C-alpha atoms as a PDB file:
ATOM      1  CA  MET A   1      -0.011  -0.013   0.071  1.00  0.00           C
ATOM      2  CA  SER A   2       1.484   3.279  -0.883  1.00  0.00           C
ATOM      3  CA  MET A   3      -0.778   5.767   1.171  1.00  0.00           C
ATOM      4  CA  ILE A   4      -2.444   5.039   4.394  1.00  0.00           C
ATOM      5  CA  TYR A   5      -4.755   7.619   6.086  1.00  0.00           C
ATOM      6  CA  HIS A   6      -6.285   7.372   9.647  1.00  0.00           C
ATOM      7  CA  GLU A   7      -9.018   9.894   9.146  1.00  0.00           C
ATOM      8  CA  LEU A   8     -11.416  11.182   6.574  1.00  0.00           C
ATOM      9  CA  THR A   9      -9.680  14.213   5.220  1.00  0.00           C
ATOM     10  CA  PRO A  10     -11.477  17.318   3.799  1.00  0.00           C
ATOM     11  CA  PHE A  11      -9.106  17.345   0.764  1.00  0.00           C
ATOM     12  CA  ARG A  12      -8.199  15.060  -2.178  1.00  0.00           C
ATOM     13  CA  VAL A  13      -5.593  12.515  -1.414  1.00  0.00           C
ATOM     14  CA  THR A  14      -5.212  11.564  -5.132  1.00  0.00           C
ATOM     15  CA  GLU A  15      -6.418  12.905  -8.471  1.00  0.00           C
ATOM     16  CA  SER A  16      -6.279   9.475 -10.141  1.00  0.00           C
ATOM     17  CA  PRO A  17      -9.625   7.759 -10.592  1.00  0.00           C
ATOM     18  CA  CYS A  18     -10.192   4.814  -8.088  1.00  0.00           C
ATOM     19  CA  ILE A  19     -11.933   1.634  -7.646  1.00  0.00           C
ATOM     20  CA  PHE A  20     -13.352   1.798  -4.115  1.00  0.00           C
ATOM     21  CA  ALA A  21     -14.889  -0.259  -1.342  1.00  0.00           C
ATOM     22  CA  ILE A  22     -15.665   0.082   2.335  1.00  0.00           C
ATOM     23  CA  GLY A  23     -16.084  -2.426   5.070  1.00  0.00           C
ATOM     24  CA  THR A  24     -14.928  -3.986   8.376  1.00  0.00           C
ATOM     25  CA  PHE A  25     -13.512  -6.901   6.546  1.00  0.00           C
ATOM     26  CA  ASP A  26     -13.197  -8.856   9.720  1.00  0.00           C
ATOM     27  CA  GLY A  27     -11.650 -12.226   9.039  1.00  0.00           C
ATOM     28  CA  VAL A  28     -10.364 -11.164   5.530  1.00  0.00           C
ATOM     29  CA  HIS A  29     -12.070 -14.487   4.678  1.00  0.00           C
ATOM     30  CA  ILE A  30     -12.186 -16.116   1.174  1.00  0.00           C
ATOM     31  CA  GLY A  31     -15.254 -14.078   0.271  1.00  0.00           C
ATOM     32  CA  HIS A  32     -13.252 -10.854   1.048  1.00  0.00           C
ATOM     33  CA  GLN A  33     -10.249 -12.218  -0.816  1.00  0.00           C
ATOM     34  CA  ALA A  34     -12.314 -12.942  -3.953  1.00  0.00           C
ATOM     35  CA  PHE A  35     -13.842  -9.478  -3.646  1.00  0.00           C
ATOM     36  CA  PHE A  36     -10.400  -7.850  -3.571  1.00  0.00           C
ATOM     37  CA  GLN A  37      -9.213  -9.956  -6.572  1.00  0.00           C
ATOM     38  CA  HIS A  38     -12.221  -8.770  -8.533  1.00  0.00           C
ATOM     39  CA  MET A  39     -11.492  -5.247  -7.565  1.00  0.00           C
ATOM     40  CA  ASP A  40      -7.970  -5.613  -8.724  1.00  0.00           C
ATOM     41  CA  SER A  41      -9.056  -7.024 -12.076  1.00  0.00           C
ATOM     42  CA  ASP A  42     -11.473  -4.151 -12.589  1.00  0.00           C
ATOM     43  CA  ALA A  43      -8.806  -1.572 -11.606  1.00  0.00           C
ATOM     44  CA  LYS A  44      -6.401  -2.981 -14.145  1.00  0.00           C
ATOM     45  CA  THR A  45      -9.038  -3.078 -16.853  1.00  0.00           C
ATOM     46  CA  LYS A  46      -9.994   0.548 -16.255  1.00  0.00           C
ATOM     47  CA  GLY A  47      -6.561   1.825 -15.561  1.00  0.00           C
ATOM     48  CA  CYS A  48      -7.569   2.995 -12.026  1.00  0.00           C
ATOM     49  CA  ARG A  49      -6.042   2.882  -8.619  1.00  0.00           C
ATOM     50  CA  LYS A  50      -7.585   0.877  -5.747  1.00  0.00           C
ATOM     51  CA  ALA A  51      -8.827   2.575  -2.559  1.00  0.00           C
ATOM     52  CA  LEU A  52     -10.351   0.896   0.474  1.00  0.00           C
ATOM     53  CA  VAL A  53     -11.892   2.156   3.732  1.00  0.00           C
ATOM     54  CA  VAL A  54     -11.334  -0.442   6.474  1.00  0.00           C
ATOM     55  CA  LEU A  55     -13.123   0.190   9.825  1.00  0.00           C
ATOM     56  CA  GLN A  56     -10.857  -0.691  12.766  1.00  0.00           C
ATOM     57  CA  ASN A  57     -13.666  -1.786  15.023  1.00  0.00           C
ATOM     58  CA  HIS A  58     -17.047  -3.385  14.460  1.00  0.00           C
ATOM     59  CA  PRO A  59     -19.870  -0.919  14.168  1.00  0.00           C
ATOM     60  CA  ARG A  60     -22.003  -3.069  16.403  1.00  0.00           C
ATOM     61  CA  LYS A  61     -19.893  -2.045  19.409  1.00  0.00           C
ATOM     62  CA  ILE A  62     -20.592   1.713  18.943  1.00  0.00           C
ATOM     63  CA  LEU A  63     -24.222   1.124  18.021  1.00  0.00           C
ATOM     64  CA  GLY A  64     -24.868  -0.772  21.259  1.00  0.00           C
ATOM     65  CA  HIS A  65     -25.558  -4.105  19.675  1.00  0.00           C
ATOM     66  CA  GLY A  66     -22.927  -5.933  21.493  1.00  0.00           C
ATOM     67  CA  MET A  67     -19.416  -6.695  20.242  1.00  0.00           C
ATOM     68  CA  PRO A  68     -19.238  -9.836  18.105  1.00  0.00           C
ATOM     69  CA  LEU A  69     -16.292 -12.179  18.326  1.00  0.00           C
ATOM     70  CA  GLU A  70     -13.398 -10.549  16.572  1.00  0.00           C
ATOM     71  CA  LEU A  71     -12.021 -12.926  13.958  1.00  0.00           C
ATOM     72  CA  THR A  72      -8.918 -11.024  13.080  1.00  0.00           C
ATOM     73  CA  PRO A  73      -7.090  -8.538  15.213  1.00  0.00           C
ATOM     74  CA  ASP A  74      -6.789  -5.207  13.608  1.00  0.00           C
ATOM     75  CA  GLU A  75      -3.040  -5.379  12.993  1.00  0.00           C
ATOM     76  CA  GLU A  76      -3.320  -8.739  11.396  1.00  0.00           C
ATOM     77  CA  LYS A  77      -6.322  -7.661   9.383  1.00  0.00           C
ATOM     78  CA  ILE A  78      -4.261  -4.889   7.858  1.00  0.00           C
ATOM     79  CA  GLU A  79      -1.380  -7.160   7.193  1.00  0.00           C
ATOM     80  CA  LEU A  80      -3.670  -9.678   5.308  1.00  0.00           C
ATOM     81  CA  ILE A  81      -5.314  -6.772   3.283  1.00  0.00           C
ATOM     82  CA  SER A  82      -1.914  -5.364   2.357  1.00  0.00           C
ATOM     83  CA  LYS A  83      -1.188  -8.424   0.346  1.00  0.00           C
ATOM     84  CA  PHE A  84      -3.845  -7.183  -2.134  1.00  0.00           C
ATOM     85  CA  HIS A  85      -1.811  -4.058  -2.888  1.00  0.00           C
ATOM     86  CA  PHE A  86      -4.238  -1.295  -2.342  1.00  0.00           C
ATOM     87  CA  ASP A  87      -2.949   2.141  -3.507  1.00  0.00           C
ATOM     88  CA  ILE A  88      -4.896   3.963  -0.798  1.00  0.00           C
ATOM     89  CA  LEU A  89      -6.051   2.583   2.545  1.00  0.00           C
ATOM     90  CA  ILE A  90      -8.225   4.701   4.792  1.00  0.00           C
ATOM     91  CA  HIS A  91      -7.977   2.874   8.102  1.00  0.00           C
ATOM     92  CA  ILE A  92     -10.380   4.554  10.496  1.00  0.00           C
ATOM     93  CA  PRO A  93     -12.190   3.765  13.753  1.00  0.00           C
ATOM     94  CA  PHE A  94     -16.003   3.527  13.575  1.00  0.00           C
ATOM     95  CA  THR A  95     -16.904   6.397  15.969  1.00  0.00           C
ATOM     96  CA  PRO A  96     -20.213   7.950  17.199  1.00  0.00           C
ATOM     97  CA  GLU A  97     -19.461  10.843  14.835  1.00  0.00           C
ATOM     98  CA  ILE A  98     -19.273   8.460  11.852  1.00  0.00           C
ATOM     99  CA  ALA A  99     -22.330   6.674  13.050  1.00  0.00           C
ATOM    100  CA  ARG A 100     -24.354   9.873  12.974  1.00  0.00           C
ATOM    101  CA  LEU A 101     -23.471  10.616   9.316  1.00  0.00           C
ATOM    102  CA  VAL A 102     -26.303   9.869   6.935  1.00  0.00           C
ATOM    103  CA  ALA A 103     -25.358   8.000   3.786  1.00  0.00           C
ATOM    104  CA  ALA A 104     -25.243  11.070   1.746  1.00  0.00           C
ATOM    105  CA  GLN A 105     -22.884  12.887   4.045  1.00  0.00           C
ATOM    106  CA  PHE A 106     -20.641   9.831   4.136  1.00  0.00           C
ATOM    107  CA  VAL A 107     -20.467   9.558   0.383  1.00  0.00           C
ATOM    108  CA  GLU A 108     -19.714  13.282   0.226  1.00  0.00           C
ATOM    109  CA  LYS A 109     -16.784  12.891   2.628  1.00  0.00           C
ATOM    110  CA  ILE A 110     -15.341  10.060   0.594  1.00  0.00           C
ATOM    111  CA  VAL A 111     -15.789  11.623  -2.785  1.00  0.00           C
ATOM    112  CA  ALA A 112     -13.991  14.806  -1.408  1.00  0.00           C
ATOM    113  CA  MET A 113     -11.004  12.513  -0.689  1.00  0.00           C
ATOM    114  CA  ILE A 114     -11.141  10.158  -3.705  1.00  0.00           C
ATOM    115  CA  PRO A 115     -12.300  10.504  -7.239  1.00  0.00           C
ATOM    116  CA  ILE A 116     -14.219   7.244  -7.325  1.00  0.00           C
ATOM    117  CA  ARG A 117     -14.884   5.682 -10.775  1.00  0.00           C
ATOM    118  CA  SER A 118     -16.488   2.382  -9.461  1.00  0.00           C
ATOM    119  CA  TRP A 119     -17.882   1.829  -5.869  1.00  0.00           C
ATOM    120  CA  TRP A 120     -17.753  -1.879  -5.114  1.00  0.00           C
ATOM    121  CA  ALA A 121     -20.238  -3.353  -2.745  1.00  0.00           C
ATOM    122  CA  SER A 122     -21.999  -6.557  -1.720  1.00  0.00           C
ATOM    123  CA  ARG A 123     -25.636  -6.651  -2.292  1.00  0.00           C
ATOM    124  CA  ASP A 124     -26.227  -6.343   1.466  1.00  0.00           C
ATOM    125  CA  ILE A 125     -24.224  -3.223   2.081  1.00  0.00           C
ATOM    126  CA  ALA A 126     -25.777  -0.775   4.578  1.00  0.00           C
ATOM    127  CA  PHE A 127     -23.931   2.243   5.851  1.00  0.00           C
ATOM    128  CA  GLY A 128     -24.810   5.578   7.283  1.00  0.00           C
ATOM    129  CA  ALA A 129     -27.240   6.521  10.014  1.00  0.00           C
ATOM    130  CA  GLY A 130     -30.270   4.363   9.660  1.00  0.00           C
ATOM    131  CA  ARG A 131     -28.295   2.005   7.343  1.00  0.00           C
ATOM    132  CA  THR A 132     -29.698   3.862   4.329  1.00  0.00           C
ATOM    133  CA  GLY A 133     -26.480   3.511   2.297  1.00  0.00           C
ATOM    134  CA  THR A 134     -27.659   0.580   0.190  1.00  0.00           C
ATOM    135  CA  CYS A 135     -26.798  -0.524  -3.380  1.00  0.00           C
ATOM    136  CA  GLU A 136     -29.956   1.275  -4.512  1.00  0.00           C
ATOM    137  CA  PHE A 137     -28.837   4.447  -2.845  1.00  0.00           C
ATOM    138  CA  LEU A 138     -25.372   4.249  -4.377  1.00  0.00           C
ATOM    139  CA  GLU A 139     -26.855   3.600  -7.825  1.00  0.00           C
ATOM    140  CA  LYS A 140     -29.033   6.647  -7.326  1.00  0.00           C
ATOM    141  CA  VAL A 141     -26.306   9.080  -6.219  1.00  0.00           C
ATOM    142  CA  GLY A 142     -23.506   7.519  -8.234  1.00  0.00           C
ATOM    143  CA  PRO A 143     -24.001   9.358 -11.564  1.00  0.00           C
ATOM    144  CA  SER A 144     -23.986  12.823  -9.853  1.00  0.00           C
ATOM    145  CA  CYS A 145     -20.857  11.929  -7.959  1.00  0.00           C
ATOM    146  CA  GLY A 146     -19.056  10.365 -11.030  1.00  0.00           C
ATOM    147  CA  PHE A 147     -19.091   6.653 -10.147  1.00  0.00           C
ATOM    148  CA  ASP A 148     -20.927   3.592 -11.161  1.00  0.00           C
ATOM    149  CA  VAL A 149     -21.708   0.722  -8.704  1.00  0.00           C
ATOM    150  CA  ALA A 150     -20.300  -2.829  -9.035  1.00  0.00           C
ATOM    151  CA  VAL A 151     -22.496  -5.092  -7.037  1.00  0.00           C
ATOM    152  CA  VAL A 152     -20.650  -8.299  -6.082  1.00  0.00           C
ATOM    153  CA  GLU A 153     -22.406 -11.516  -5.185  1.00  0.00           C
ATOM    154  CA  LYS A 154     -21.135 -13.445  -2.184  1.00  0.00           C
ATOM    155  CA  VAL A 155     -18.889 -16.455  -2.556  1.00  0.00           C
ATOM    156  CA  HIS A 156     -20.894 -19.668  -1.600  1.00  0.00           C
ATOM    157  CA  ILE A 157     -19.402 -22.837  -0.012  1.00  0.00           C
ATOM    158  CA  ASP A 158     -21.491 -25.881   0.858  1.00  0.00           C
ATOM    159  CA  GLY A 159     -24.597 -23.949  -0.345  1.00  0.00           C
ATOM    160  CA  ALA A 160     -24.310 -21.027   1.892  1.00  0.00           C
ATOM    161  CA  PRO A 161     -22.703 -17.580   1.547  1.00  0.00           C
ATOM    162  CA  VAL A 162     -19.293 -17.002   3.096  1.00  0.00           C
ATOM    163  CA  SER A 163     -19.644 -14.311   5.676  1.00  0.00           C
ATOM    164  CA  SER A 164     -17.980 -13.230   9.044  1.00  0.00           C
ATOM    165  CA  SER A 165     -21.238 -13.997  10.822  1.00  0.00           C
ATOM    166  CA  ARG A 166     -21.305 -17.521   9.503  1.00  0.00           C
ATOM    167  CA  ILE A 167     -17.644 -18.057  10.508  1.00  0.00           C
ATOM    168  CA  ARG A 168     -18.409 -16.687  14.026  1.00  0.00           C
ATOM    169  CA  ASP A 169     -21.299 -19.104  14.305  1.00  0.00           C
ATOM    170  CA  LEU A 170     -19.011 -22.003  13.361  1.00  0.00           C
ATOM    171  CA  ILE A 171     -16.368 -21.006  15.910  1.00  0.00           C
ATOM    172  CA  ALA A 172     -18.998 -20.579  18.635  1.00  0.00           C
ATOM    173  CA  SER A 173     -20.194 -24.142  17.963  1.00  0.00           C
ATOM    174  CA  GLY A 174     -16.620 -25.551  17.946  1.00  0.00           C
ATOM    175  CA  GLN A 175     -16.510 -26.291  14.185  1.00  0.00           C
ATOM    176  CA  TYR A 176     -12.948 -24.874  13.723  1.00  0.00           C
ATOM    177  CA  ASP A 177     -12.297 -26.927  10.542  1.00  0.00           C
ATOM    178  CA  GLU A 178     -15.328 -25.572   8.810  1.00  0.00           C
ATOM    179  CA  ALA A 179     -14.445 -21.984   9.975  1.00  0.00           C
ATOM    180  CA  GLU A 180     -10.908 -22.344   8.712  1.00  0.00           C
ATOM    181  CA  LYS A 181     -12.155 -23.507   5.295  1.00  0.00           C
ATOM    182  CA  LEU A 182     -14.074 -20.245   5.023  1.00  0.00           C
ATOM    183  CA  LEU A 183     -11.272 -18.177   6.444  1.00  0.00           C
ATOM    184  CA  GLY A 184      -8.794 -19.761   3.982  1.00  0.00           C
ATOM    185  CA  ARG A 185      -6.265 -20.096   6.864  1.00  0.00           C
ATOM    186  CA  PRO A 186      -5.955 -21.413  10.435  1.00  0.00           C
ATOM    187  CA  TYR A 187      -8.108 -19.635  13.047  1.00  0.00           C
ATOM    188  CA  LYS A 188      -5.931 -18.344  15.929  1.00  0.00           C
ATOM    189  CA  ARG A 189      -7.652 -19.388  19.087  1.00  0.00           C
END
């Protein structure tokens, strides 16, 4: 990664168009890895840089929904993500201030930092106060902000989508081998 930021800045950090995504990416599991590989391919095809917002902590903790089991400590998560060679990484804590931003305000802050050409998202994305930052919302505001939306379907294994929640459930029930299959690496207990 060539540039790492630890806050949402009010100024551009690059003038190069970027392929962009946001998430907690807890586990950096095989679904995330496939997502990053598809972003890489799209960036190469379009001649763009790759930018990623990674939330340091899980939003559920700040929103008062209880802290889920952490699959990957933050430092390890960044190390795993760095293998995908993002040009810009915005590594920020999810704070009460960020939680209060409505989806349009959040998009405005990101577009002020990065000229986004394609915003990559899973179909179930939900960000911003009230979780109104959905794919439909992004598709609506994208044209006026200069980006299109690439909706990515989840990777499925054994007939079910790979997700951090599924991995947490497997670990909670002691099914470590199954969890590790979805993580794509050993789980550190």
